[in-house]
Amino acid sequence: METEDLLKCSKIISLFCRLNVNRKIGIPISSVEMEMLTLIYNAENEVTPLMISKIMNLKKPSVSGVVEPLLKKNYVQKEQNCNDKRSYYLVVTEKGKELLKSANDLYLSAIYTLEKELGKDAFVSFIETMNKANDILKEFRK
């Protein structure tokens, strides 16, 4: 592709990200905080900040910057690791569970809309392509 075409593609991708991430859905936390809260809630095992940094592909200071507001707003709490007193797990509180329950439909509304408007096959293909692109960009960032 020519540089001009690649710039157009970049603008399309940027617009998609802005439309999905920056939309106002009436919840009291940011989209990154919501993503982290959901990750902690859905985890099969206990979750540490280090695990979150690996899963979300964030640096540890960035994770701390997202965890702190969740702690202050009482959506998560720290539970000390009984095997290592320096380490702790993050656990979703009842208040956090209530937020997840009430915000789930609002938070996923754009995804529901995409699935409905694109159709199931095109939506699945889109998600598979996005997944491949994410994997490529993760490798590129290393």
Protein backbone atom coordinates (compact mmCIF):
# COMPACT_ATOMS: atom_id res chain seq x y z
CA MET A 1 0.00 0.00 0.00
CA GLU A 2 1.04 3.55 -0.60
CA THR A 3 1.81 5.87 2.32
CA GLU A 4 -1.33 7.90 1.63
CA ASP A 5 -3.49 4.76 1.79
CA LEU A 6 -1.79 3.66 5.01
CA LEU A 7 -2.50 7.08 6.54
CA LYS A 8 -6.20 6.68 5.65
CA CYS A 9 -6.18 3.23 7.27
CA SER A 10 -4.56 4.66 10.38
CA LYS A 11 -7.26 7.34 10.61
CA ILE A 12 -10.00 4.71 10.31
CA ILE A 13 -8.47 2.60 13.08
CA SER A 14 -7.98 5.67 15.30
CA LEU A 15 -11.59 6.73 14.81
CA PHE A 16 -12.84 3.24 15.67
CA CYS A 17 -10.80 3.25 18.89
CA ARG A 18 -11.99 6.72 19.89
CA LEU A 19 -15.64 5.91 19.17
CA ASN A 20 -15.50 2.77 21.27
CA VAL A 21 -13.23 3.85 24.13
CA ASN A 22 -14.23 7.46 24.67
CA ARG A 23 -17.98 7.08 24.63
CA LYS A 24 -19.91 8.21 27.66
CA ILE A 25 -21.95 5.39 29.12
CA GLY A 26 -22.81 6.79 32.52
CA ILE A 27 -20.58 4.72 34.77
CA PRO A 28 -18.38 6.25 37.48
CA ILE A 29 -15.09 4.72 36.30
CA SER A 30 -12.96 4.92 33.16
CA SER A 31 -12.98 2.24 30.46
CA VAL A 32 -9.53 1.01 31.57
CA GLU A 33 -10.73 0.76 35.18
CA MET A 34 -13.80 -1.13 33.97
CA GLU A 35 -11.62 -3.49 31.92
CA MET A 36 -9.43 -4.16 34.95
CA LEU A 37 -12.41 -4.65 37.26
CA THR A 38 -13.89 -7.14 34.79
CA LEU A 39 -10.57 -8.96 34.47
CA ILE A 40 -10.25 -9.33 38.26
CA TYR A 41 -13.86 -10.47 38.60
CA ASN A 42 -13.65 -13.05 35.80
CA ALA A 43 -10.27 -14.49 36.80
CA GLU A 44 -10.29 -18.15 37.73
CA ASN A 45 -7.42 -17.68 40.19
CA GLU A 46 -6.28 -14.93 42.52
CA VAL A 47 -5.02 -11.87 40.66
CA THR A 48 -1.95 -9.78 41.49
CA PRO A 49 -0.95 -6.45 39.94
CA LEU A 50 1.91 -8.21 38.15
CA MET A 51 -0.53 -10.64 36.54
CA ILE A 52 -2.70 -7.73 35.45
CA SER A 53 0.29 -5.97 33.87
CA LYS A 54 1.04 -9.09 31.80
CA ILE A 55 -2.56 -9.76 30.79
CA MET A 56 -3.38 -6.14 29.92
CA ASN A 57 0.07 -5.49 28.45
CA LEU A 58 0.66 -2.52 30.79
CA LYS A 59 3.70 -1.46 32.77
CA LYS A 60 3.41 -2.02 36.53
CA PRO A 61 3.25 1.75 37.35
CA SER A 62 0.32 2.07 34.92
CA VAL A 63 -1.45 -0.81 36.66
CA SER A 64 -0.94 0.93 40.01
CA GLY A 65 -2.42 4.12 38.55
CA VAL A 66 -5.57 2.24 37.60
CA VAL A 67 -5.81 0.11 40.76
CA GLU A 68 -5.60 3.07 43.15
CA PRO A 69 -8.89 4.71 42.08
CA LEU A 70 -10.61 1.31 42.22
CA LEU A 71 -9.35 0.87 45.78
CA LYS A 72 -10.35 4.42 46.81
CA LYS A 73 -13.85 3.97 45.39
CA ASN A 74 -14.13 0.59 47.16
CA TYR A 75 -14.64 -1.43 43.96
CA VAL A 76 -11.69 -3.69 44.79
CA GLN A 77 -9.78 -4.52 47.93
CA LYS A 78 -6.35 -5.93 48.67
CA GLU A 79 -5.96 -9.33 50.29
CA GLN A 80 -2.52 -10.19 51.54
CA ASN A 81 -0.82 -13.31 50.19
CA CYS A 82 -0.40 -15.57 53.20
CA ASN A 83 2.70 -17.18 51.60
CA ASP A 84 4.43 -13.88 50.80
CA LYS A 85 3.66 -10.90 53.04
CA ARG A 86 5.05 -8.50 50.39
CA SER A 87 2.49 -9.62 47.83
CA TYR A 88 -1.26 -9.12 47.67
CA TYR A 89 -4.23 -10.15 45.58
CA LEU A 90 -6.97 -7.91 44.25
CA VAL A 91 -10.56 -8.94 44.91
CA VAL A 92 -13.76 -7.32 43.65
CA THR A 93 -15.93 -6.02 46.50
CA GLU A 94 -19.72 -6.24 46.68
CA LYS A 95 -19.86 -2.62 45.49
CA GLY A 96 -17.67 -3.59 42.51
CA LYS A 97 -19.90 -6.57 41.71
CA GLU A 98 -22.96 -4.30 41.76
CA LEU A 99 -21.25 -1.89 39.36
CA LEU A 100 -20.30 -4.73 37.01
CA LYS A 101 -23.84 -6.05 37.02
CA SER A 102 -25.43 -2.66 36.31
CA ALA A 103 -22.82 -1.53 33.78
CA ASN A 104 -22.44 -4.73 31.78
CA ASP A 105 -25.17 -4.03 29.22
CA LEU A 106 -24.15 -0.38 28.88
CA TYR A 107 -20.47 -1.23 28.57
CA LEU A 108 -21.06 -3.90 25.93
CA SER A 109 -23.69 -2.00 23.96
CA ALA A 110 -21.25 -1.01 21.20
CA ILE A 111 -20.15 -4.63 20.83
CA TYR A 112 -23.77 -5.82 20.69
CA THR A 113 -24.45 -3.18 18.03
CA LEU A 114 -21.46 -4.26 15.94
CA GLU A 115 -22.51 -7.91 16.11
CA LYS A 116 -26.09 -7.06 15.13
CA GLU A 117 -25.22 -4.67 12.29
CA LEU A 118 -22.31 -6.66 10.84
CA GLY A 119 -24.00 -10.03 11.18
CA LYS A 120 -22.58 -12.98 13.07
CA ASP A 121 -20.10 -14.19 10.42
CA ALA A 122 -18.65 -10.75 9.65
CA PHE A 123 -18.49 -9.96 13.37
CA VAL A 124 -16.61 -13.19 14.16
CA SER A 125 -14.23 -12.49 11.26
CA PHE A 126 -13.71 -8.93 12.52
CA ILE A 127 -12.91 -10.14 16.04
CA GLU A 128 -10.51 -12.80 14.71
CA THR A 129 -8.75 -10.16 12.60
CA MET A 130 -8.54 -7.77 15.58
CA ASN A 131 -7.10 -10.59 17.68
CA LYS A 132 -4.42 -11.31 15.06
CA ALA A 133 -3.63 -7.60 14.81
CA ASN A 134 -3.30 -7.35 18.60
CA ASP A 135 -0.90 -10.32 18.62
CA ILE A 136 1.21 -8.73 15.87
CA LEU A 137 1.35 -5.38 17.69
CA LYS A 138 2.27 -7.06 20.98
CA GLU A 139 5.26 -8.66 19.26
CA PHE A 140 6.12 -5.37 17.54
CA ARG A 141 6.22 -3.56 20.92
CA LYS A 142 8.73 -6.00 22.42
